[in-house]
Amino acid sequence: EVQLVDSGGGSVQAGGSLTLSCVTSGFTFDNYAIGWFRQAPGKEREGVSCISTSGHRTYYSDSVKGRFQILSDNAENTVYLQMNDLKPEDTAVYYCAAVHLLLLREETMKTGNGMEFWGQGTLVTVSS
């Protein structure tokens, strides 16, 4: 059974940091890309960051570039999203998701459309 368990959300003040975790199981980790997506109330889902766990190629949206870092621990089948200098506009439910590398497309990383497996989501709230 495929499982993605995301965690690490919470409430922080602007300028603070949080690290989200996505623990995966049930598939061959090295053959997949893991992405982080977020959805704020009333807004469309947005691709935040993505990593191909085999080659460690990464993608970041312009809104988080330079502030967020995605890391892969292949020994633990876990992907982390380190979020620094958080802003109120980063407030959203964050989801991790997985897709086989053969199915990975630019649109997939940007929108989440086509991701095969999803975590349950973790809420990040940033206050000003």
Foldseek 3Di string as FASTA:
>chain_A
DWAWAKDWADEEAAQAKIKMKIQIDDDQLQQKKKWKWWDDPPDAIWTAKIARQNVGDMDGDPVQPPFWDWDADNVRSMIMIIGGRDDQVVWTWMKMFMDGPVQDDPVCNTHVVPGDGIHPTDTHGYHD
